[in-house]
Amino acid sequence: MEKAAVLRAATREGLTLVRAENATGFKGVCRNEKTSKSKPFQAQLKRGGKRGYLGLYATAEEAALAYARELGPEG
């Protein structure tokens, strides 16, 4: 999914992509090329001291959207 499409989807769903000061620019998103070269961005969410795996994505924006969807509109 292209960056513009991800941003449109987030807006349509009332979600905010959470920015962070890390290599990907998004909270809950890291680069993991060892797992998949076609989907090098991994999304994960920490709740109650446990990490929840949200999947692998082709772009950092897609992974950030998965993170935002997990948080919900109230984020």
PDB file of N, CA and C in Angstrom:
ATOM      1  N   MET A   1       0.847  -1.167   0.000  1.00  0.00           N
ATOM      2  CA  MET A   1       0.000   0.000   0.000  1.00  0.00           C
ATOM      3  C   MET A   1       0.905   1.246   0.000  1.00  0.00           C
ATOM      4  N   GLU A   2       0.595   2.194  -0.840  1.00  0.00           N
ATOM      5  CA  GLU A   2       1.393   3.410  -0.932  1.00  0.00           C
ATOM      6  C   GLU A   2       1.161   4.307   0.279  1.00  0.00           C
ATOM      7  N   LYS A   3       2.135   5.177   0.536  1.00  0.00           N
ATOM      8  CA  LYS A   3       2.066   6.076   1.679  1.00  0.00           C
ATOM      9  C   LYS A   3       0.771   6.892   1.678  1.00  0.00           C
ATOM     10  N   ALA A   4       0.409   7.458   0.541  1.00  0.00           N
ATOM     11  CA  ALA A   4      -0.801   8.275   0.443  1.00  0.00           C
ATOM     12  C   ALA A   4      -2.050   7.453   0.770  1.00  0.00           C
ATOM     13  N   ALA A   5      -2.090   6.211   0.310  1.00  0.00           N
ATOM     14  CA  ALA A   5      -3.236   5.337   0.576  1.00  0.00           C
ATOM     15  C   ALA A   5      -3.330   5.010   2.063  1.00  0.00           C
ATOM     16  N   VAL A   6      -2.190   4.803   2.703  1.00  0.00           N
ATOM     17  CA  VAL A   6      -2.171   4.522   4.143  1.00  0.00           C
ATOM     18  C   VAL A   6      -2.707   5.729   4.907  1.00  0.00           C
ATOM     19  N   LEU A   7      -2.246   6.921   4.528  1.00  0.00           N
ATOM     20  CA  LEU A   7      -2.695   8.136   5.210  1.00  0.00           C
ATOM     21  C   LEU A   7      -4.199   8.360   5.016  1.00  0.00           C
ATOM     22  N   ARG A   8      -4.702   8.080   3.819  1.00  0.00           N
ATOM     23  CA  ARG A   8      -6.149   8.190   3.561  1.00  0.00           C
ATOM     24  C   ARG A   8      -6.928   7.196   4.424  1.00  0.00           C
ATOM     25  N   ALA A   9      -6.424   5.972   4.519  1.00  0.00           N
ATOM     26  CA  ALA A   9      -7.093   4.946   5.322  1.00  0.00           C
ATOM     27  C   ALA A   9      -7.121   5.356   6.795  1.00  0.00           C
ATOM     28  N   ALA A  10      -6.023   5.867   7.292  1.00  0.00           N
ATOM     29  CA  ALA A  10      -5.962   6.302   8.690  1.00  0.00           C
ATOM     30  C   ALA A  10      -6.969   7.421   8.948  1.00  0.00           C
ATOM     31  N   THR A  11      -7.026   8.386   8.048  1.00  0.00           N
ATOM     32  CA  THR A  11      -7.960   9.500   8.188  1.00  0.00           C
ATOM     33  C   THR A  11      -9.398   9.006   8.146  1.00  0.00           C
ATOM     34  N   ARG A  12      -9.692   8.138   7.197  1.00  0.00           N
ATOM     35  CA  ARG A  12     -11.036   7.587   7.032  1.00  0.00           C
ATOM     36  C   ARG A  12     -11.482   6.831   8.294  1.00  0.00           C
ATOM     37  N   GLU A  13     -10.520   6.146   8.937  1.00  0.00           N
ATOM     38  CA  GLU A  13     -10.836   5.344  10.125  1.00  0.00           C
ATOM     39  C   GLU A  13     -10.713   6.144  11.428  1.00  0.00           C
ATOM     40  N   GLY A  14     -10.351   7.415  11.312  1.00  0.00           N
ATOM     41  CA  GLY A  14     -10.201   8.253  12.499  1.00  0.00           C
ATOM     42  C   GLY A  14      -8.995   7.913  13.339  1.00  0.00           C
ATOM     43  N   LEU A  15      -7.939   7.424  12.687  1.00  0.00           N
ATOM     44  CA  LEU A  15      -6.731   6.990  13.388  1.00  0.00           C
ATOM     45  C   LEU A  15      -5.584   7.963  13.169  1.00  0.00           C
ATOM     46  N   THR A  16      -4.631   7.942  14.087  1.00  0.00           N
ATOM     47  CA  THR A  16      -3.426   8.745  13.970  1.00  0.00           C
ATOM     48  C   THR A  16      -2.221   7.830  13.976  1.00  0.00           C
ATOM     49  N   LEU A  17      -1.339   7.998  12.997  1.00  0.00           N
ATOM     50  CA  LEU A  17      -0.088   7.249  12.991  1.00  0.00           C
ATOM     51  C   LEU A  17       0.817   7.897  14.026  1.00  0.00           C
ATOM     52  N   VAL A  18       1.265   7.117  14.997  1.00  0.00           N
ATOM     53  CA  VAL A  18       2.021   7.640  16.131  1.00  0.00           C
ATOM     54  C   VAL A  18       3.488   7.786  15.753  1.00  0.00           C
ATOM     55  N   ARG A  19       3.953   9.024  15.722  1.00  0.00           N
ATOM     56  CA  ARG A  19       5.344   9.319  15.381  1.00  0.00           C
ATOM     57  C   ARG A  19       6.266   9.003  16.552  1.00  0.00           C
ATOM     58  N   ALA A  20       7.526   8.693  16.228  1.00  0.00           N
ATOM     59  CA  ALA A  20       8.534   8.405  17.243  1.00  0.00           C
ATOM     60  C   ALA A  20       9.909   8.810  16.721  1.00  0.00           C
ATOM     61  N   GLU A  21      10.799   9.031  17.632  1.00  0.00           N
ATOM     62  CA  GLU A  21      12.187   9.356  17.280  1.00  0.00           C
ATOM     63  C   GLU A  21      12.983   8.048  17.185  1.00  0.00           C
ATOM     64  N   ASN A  22      12.713   7.283  16.152  1.00  0.00           N
ATOM     65  CA  ASN A  22      13.469   6.050  15.911  1.00  0.00           C
ATOM     66  C   ASN A  22      13.767   5.944  14.418  1.00  0.00           C
ATOM     67  N   ALA A  23      14.381   4.874  14.009  1.00  0.00           N
ATOM     68  CA  ALA A  23      14.812   4.720  12.611  1.00  0.00           C
ATOM     69  C   ALA A  23      13.652   4.710  11.622  1.00  0.00           C
ATOM     70  N   THR A  24      12.486   4.223  12.038  1.00  0.00           N
ATOM     71  CA  THR A  24      11.345   4.158  11.122  1.00  0.00           C
ATOM     72  C   THR A  24      10.475   5.411  11.182  1.00  0.00           C
ATOM     73  N   GLY A  25      10.552   6.128  12.284  1.00  0.00           N
ATOM     74  CA  GLY A  25       9.743   7.328  12.451  1.00  0.00           C
ATOM     75  C   GLY A  25       8.387   7.080  13.082  1.00  0.00           C
ATOM     76  N   PHE A  26       8.087   5.808  13.414  1.00  0.00           N
ATOM     77  CA  PHE A  26       6.788   5.460  13.982  1.00  0.00           C
ATOM     78  C   PHE A  26       6.931   4.584  15.221  1.00  0.00           C
ATOM     79  N   LYS A  27       6.111   4.854  16.214  1.00  0.00           N
ATOM     80  CA  LYS A  27       6.112   4.050  17.431  1.00  0.00           C
ATOM     81  C   LYS A  27       5.578   2.656  17.127  1.00  0.00           C
ATOM     82  N   GLY A  28       6.233   1.646  17.712  1.00  0.00           N
ATOM     83  CA  GLY A  28       5.795   0.268  17.539  1.00  0.00           C
ATOM     84  C   GLY A  28       6.236  -0.366  16.237  1.00  0.00           C
ATOM     85  N   VAL A  29       7.074   0.343  15.461  1.00  0.00           N
ATOM     86  CA  VAL A  29       7.521  -0.164  14.157  1.00  0.00           C
ATOM     87  C   VAL A  29       9.045  -0.256  14.148  1.00  0.00           C
ATOM     88  N   CYS A  30       9.549  -1.407  13.715  1.00  0.00           N
ATOM     89  CA  CYS A  30      10.990  -1.569  13.560  1.00  0.00           C
ATOM     90  C   CYS A  30      11.271  -2.285  12.238  1.00  0.00           C
ATOM     91  N   ARG A  31      12.484  -2.171  11.798  1.00  0.00           N
ATOM     92  CA  ARG A  31      12.900  -2.826  10.560  1.00  0.00           C
ATOM     93  C   ARG A  31      13.459  -4.203  10.912  1.00  0.00           C
ATOM     94  N   ASN A  32      13.013  -5.236  10.197  1.00  0.00           N
ATOM     95  CA  ASN A  32      13.437  -6.605  10.473  1.00  0.00           C
ATOM     96  C   ASN A  32      13.605  -7.337   9.141  1.00  0.00           C
ATOM     97  N   GLU A  33      14.703  -7.085   8.470  1.00  0.00           N
ATOM     98  CA  GLU A  33      14.939  -7.696   7.156  1.00  0.00           C
ATOM     99  C   GLU A  33      15.299  -9.174   7.231  1.00  0.00           C
ATOM    100  N   LYS A  34      15.650  -9.669   8.411  1.00  0.00           N
ATOM    101  CA  LYS A  34      16.001 -11.087   8.560  1.00  0.00           C
ATOM    102  C   LYS A  34      14.782 -11.979   8.357  1.00  0.00           C
ATOM    103  N   THR A  35      13.613 -11.476   8.702  1.00  0.00           N
ATOM    104  CA  THR A  35      12.391 -12.261   8.602  1.00  0.00           C
ATOM    105  C   THR A  35      11.858 -12.305   7.184  1.00  0.00           C
ATOM    106  N   SER A  36      11.814 -11.139   6.525  1.00  0.00           N
ATOM    107  CA  SER A  36      11.246 -11.070   5.188  1.00  0.00           C
ATOM    108  C   SER A  36      11.821  -9.880   4.430  1.00  0.00           C
ATOM    109  N   LYS A  37      12.353 -10.126   3.256  1.00  0.00           N
ATOM    110  CA  LYS A  37      12.899  -9.029   2.458  1.00  0.00           C
ATOM    111  C   LYS A  37      11.802  -8.217   1.785  1.00  0.00           C
ATOM    112  N   SER A  38      10.679  -8.836   1.453  1.00  0.00           N
ATOM    113  CA  SER A  38       9.591  -8.114   0.809  1.00  0.00           C
ATOM    114  C   SER A  38       8.724  -7.355   1.821  1.00  0.00           C
ATOM    115  N   LYS A  39       8.776  -7.777   3.072  1.00  0.00           N
ATOM    116  CA  LYS A  39       8.020  -7.105   4.141  1.00  0.00           C
ATOM    117  C   LYS A  39       8.956  -6.899   5.330  1.00  0.00           C
ATOM    118  N   PRO A  40       9.837  -5.907   5.221  1.00  0.00           N
ATOM    119  CA  PRO A  40      10.865  -5.735   6.243  1.00  0.00           C
ATOM    120  C   PRO A  40      10.454  -4.959   7.491  1.00  0.00           C
ATOM    121  N   PHE A  41       9.232  -4.446   7.542  1.00  0.00           N
ATOM    122  CA  PHE A  41       8.818  -3.656   8.697  1.00  0.00           C
ATOM    123  C   PHE A  41       7.883  -4.450   9.589  1.00  0.00           C
ATOM    124  N   GLN A  42       8.235  -4.509  10.858  1.00  0.00           N
ATOM    125  CA  GLN A  42       7.472  -5.279  11.837  1.00  0.00           C
ATOM    126  C   GLN A  42       6.740  -4.321  12.769  1.00  0.00           C
ATOM    127  N   ALA A  43       5.480  -4.618  13.051  1.00  0.00           N
ATOM    128  CA  ALA A  43       4.700  -3.830  14.003  1.00  0.00           C
ATOM    129  C   ALA A  43       4.460  -4.672  15.245  1.00  0.00           C
ATOM    130  N   GLN A  44       4.621  -4.030  16.391  1.00  0.00           N
ATOM    131  CA  GLN A  44       4.366  -4.708  17.654  1.00  0.00           C
ATOM    132  C   GLN A  44       3.862  -3.701  18.673  1.00  0.00           C
ATOM    133  N   LEU A  45       3.086  -4.170  19.623  1.00  0.00           N
ATOM    134  CA  LEU A  45       2.478  -3.308  20.625  1.00  0.00           C
ATOM    135  C   LEU A  45       2.727  -3.919  21.992  1.00  0.00           C
ATOM    136  N   LYS A  46       3.148  -3.091  22.929  1.00  0.00           N
ATOM    137  CA  LYS A  46       3.395  -3.569  24.285  1.00  0.00           C
ATOM    138  C   LYS A  46       2.225  -3.166  25.174  1.00  0.00           C
ATOM    139  N   ARG A  47       1.602  -4.161  25.784  1.00  0.00           N
ATOM    140  CA  ARG A  47       0.468  -3.931  26.702  1.00  0.00           C
ATOM    141  C   ARG A  47       0.628  -4.819  27.928  1.00  0.00           C
ATOM    142  N   GLY A  48       0.481  -4.225  29.076  1.00  0.00           N
ATOM    143  CA  GLY A  48       0.570  -4.996  30.315  1.00  0.00           C
ATOM    144  C   GLY A  48       1.894  -5.722  30.462  1.00  0.00           C
ATOM    145  N   GLY A  49       2.962  -5.130  29.959  1.00  0.00           N
ATOM    146  CA  GLY A  49       4.284  -5.737  30.057  1.00  0.00           C
ATOM    147  C   GLY A  49       4.554  -6.825  29.033  1.00  0.00           C
ATOM    148  N   LYS A  50       3.599  -7.105  28.158  1.00  0.00           N
ATOM    149  CA  LYS A  50       3.773  -8.140  27.138  1.00  0.00           C
ATOM    150  C   LYS A  50       3.754  -7.509  25.754  1.00  0.00           C
ATOM    151  N   ARG A  51       4.582  -8.051  24.866  1.00  0.00           N
ATOM    152  CA  ARG A  51       4.611  -7.571  23.486  1.00  0.00           C
ATOM    153  C   ARG A  51       3.639  -8.379  22.635  1.00  0.00           C
ATOM    154  N   GLY A  52       2.874  -7.655  21.851  1.00  0.00           N
ATOM    155  CA  GLY A  52       1.964  -8.295  20.914  1.00  0.00           C
ATOM    156  C   GLY A  52       2.468  -8.093  19.501  1.00  0.00           C
ATOM    157  N   TYR A  53       2.657  -9.158  18.785  1.00  0.00           N
ATOM    158  CA  TYR A  53       3.130  -9.119  17.407  1.00  0.00           C
ATOM    159  C   TYR A  53       1.968  -8.781  16.494  1.00  0.00           C
ATOM    160  N   LEU A  54       2.122  -7.746  15.659  1.00  0.00           N
ATOM    161  CA  LEU A  54       1.050  -7.307  14.776  1.00  0.00           C
ATOM    162  C   LEU A  54       1.301  -7.634  13.310  1.00  0.00           C
ATOM    163  N   GLY A  55       2.461  -8.166  12.995  1.00  0.00           N
ATOM    164  CA  GLY A  55       2.716  -8.600  11.634  1.00  0.00           C
ATOM    165  C   GLY A  55       3.872  -7.900  10.950  1.00  0.00           C
ATOM    166  N   LEU A  56       4.127  -8.337   9.711  1.00  0.00           N
ATOM    167  CA  LEU A  56       5.177  -7.773   8.858  1.00  0.00           C
ATOM    168  C   LEU A  56       4.527  -7.019   7.712  1.00  0.00           C
ATOM    169  N   TYR A  57       5.152  -5.910   7.313  1.00  0.00           N
ATOM    170  CA  TYR A  57       4.568  -5.028   6.303  1.00  0.00           C
ATOM    171  C   TYR A  57       5.639  -4.536   5.341  1.00  0.00           C
ATOM    172  N   ALA A  58       5.213  -4.173   4.146  1.00  0.00           N
ATOM    173  CA  ALA A  58       6.128  -3.709   3.111  1.00  0.00           C
ATOM    174  C   ALA A  58       6.681  -2.316   3.396  1.00  0.00           C
ATOM    175  N   THR A  59       5.888  -1.472   4.068  1.00  0.00           N
ATOM    176  CA  THR A  59       6.338  -0.110   4.361  1.00  0.00           C
ATOM    177  C   THR A  59       6.151   0.199   5.842  1.00  0.00           C
ATOM    178  N   ALA A  60       6.919   1.177   6.311  1.00  0.00           N
ATOM    179  CA  ALA A  60       6.793   1.611   7.704  1.00  0.00           C
ATOM    180  C   ALA A  60       5.406   2.189   7.960  1.00  0.00           C
ATOM    181  N   GLU A  61       4.849   2.865   6.967  1.00  0.00           N
ATOM    182  CA  GLU A  61       3.512   3.445   7.109  1.00  0.00           C
ATOM    183  C   GLU A  61       2.440   2.380   7.297  1.00  0.00           C
ATOM    184  N   GLU A  62       2.552   1.283   6.556  1.00  0.00           N
ATOM    185  CA  GLU A  62       1.589   0.183   6.708  1.00  0.00           C
ATOM    186  C   GLU A  62       1.676  -0.415   8.111  1.00  0.00           C
ATOM    187  N   ALA A  63       2.899  -0.595   8.598  1.00  0.00           N
ATOM    188  CA  ALA A  63       3.087  -1.127   9.944  1.00  0.00           C
ATOM    189  C   ALA A  63       2.536  -0.161  10.984  1.00  0.00           C
ATOM    190  N   ALA A  64       2.742   1.139  10.767  1.00  0.00           N
ATOM    191  CA  ALA A  64       2.220   2.152  11.684  1.00  0.00           C
ATOM    192  C   ALA A  64       0.698   2.153  11.682  1.00  0.00           C
ATOM    193  N   LEU A  65       0.088   1.888  10.536  1.00  0.00           N
ATOM    194  CA  LEU A  65      -1.368   1.799  10.451  1.00  0.00           C
ATOM    195  C   LEU A  65      -1.879   0.603  11.266  1.00  0.00           C
ATOM    196  N   ALA A  66      -1.186  -0.517  11.195  1.00  0.00           N
ATOM    197  CA  ALA A  66      -1.573  -1.691  11.994  1.00  0.00           C
ATOM    198  C   ALA A  66      -1.490  -1.364  13.477  1.00  0.00           C
ATOM    199  N   TYR A  67      -0.445  -0.658  13.874  1.00  0.00           N
ATOM    200  CA  TYR A  67      -0.276  -0.238  15.265  1.00  0.00           C
ATOM    201  C   TYR A  67      -1.417   0.689  15.669  1.00  0.00           C
ATOM    202  N   ALA A  68      -1.734   1.667  14.835  1.00  0.00           N
ATOM    203  CA  ALA A  68      -2.815   2.613  15.118  1.00  0.00           C
ATOM    204  C   ALA A  68      -4.161   1.896  15.201  1.00  0.00           C
ATOM    205  N   ARG A  69      -4.388   0.919  14.338  1.00  0.00           N
ATOM    206  CA  ARG A  69      -5.647   0.159  14.376  1.00  0.00           C
ATOM    207  C   ARG A  69      -5.780  -0.604  15.682  1.00  0.00           C
ATOM    208  N   GLU A  70      -4.678  -1.127  16.174  1.00  0.00           N
ATOM    209  CA  GLU A  70      -4.696  -1.855  17.426  1.00  0.00           C
ATOM    210  C   GLU A  70      -4.998  -0.929  18.599  1.00  0.00           C
ATOM    211  N   LEU A  71      -4.475   0.292  18.548  1.00  0.00           N
ATOM    212  CA  LEU A  71      -4.741   1.272  19.612  1.00  0.00           C
ATOM    213  C   LEU A  71      -6.178   1.782  19.544  1.00  0.00           C
ATOM    214  N   GLY A  72      -6.703   1.902  18.326  1.00  0.00           N
ATOM    215  CA  GLY A  72      -8.063   2.422  18.130  1.00  0.00           C
ATOM    216  C   GLY A  72      -8.066   3.934  18.030  1.00  0.00           C
ATOM    217  N   PRO A  73      -9.225   4.517  17.731  1.00  0.00           N
ATOM    218  CA  PRO A  73      -9.323   5.973  17.516  1.00  0.00           C
ATOM    219  C   PRO A  73      -8.918   6.807  18.736  1.00  0.00           C
ATOM    220  N   GLU A  74      -9.096   6.291  19.927  1.00  0.00           N
ATOM    221  CA  GLU A  74      -8.724   7.046  21.129  1.00  0.00           C
ATOM    222  C   GLU A  74      -7.228   6.990  21.400  1.00  0.00           C
ATOM    223  N   GLY A  75      -6.554   6.024  20.752  1.00  0.00           N
ATOM    224  CA  GLY A  75      -5.111   5.879  20.811  1.00  0.00           C
ATOM    225  C   GLY A  75      -4.535   5.960  22.154  1.00  0.00           C
TER     226      GLY A  75
END
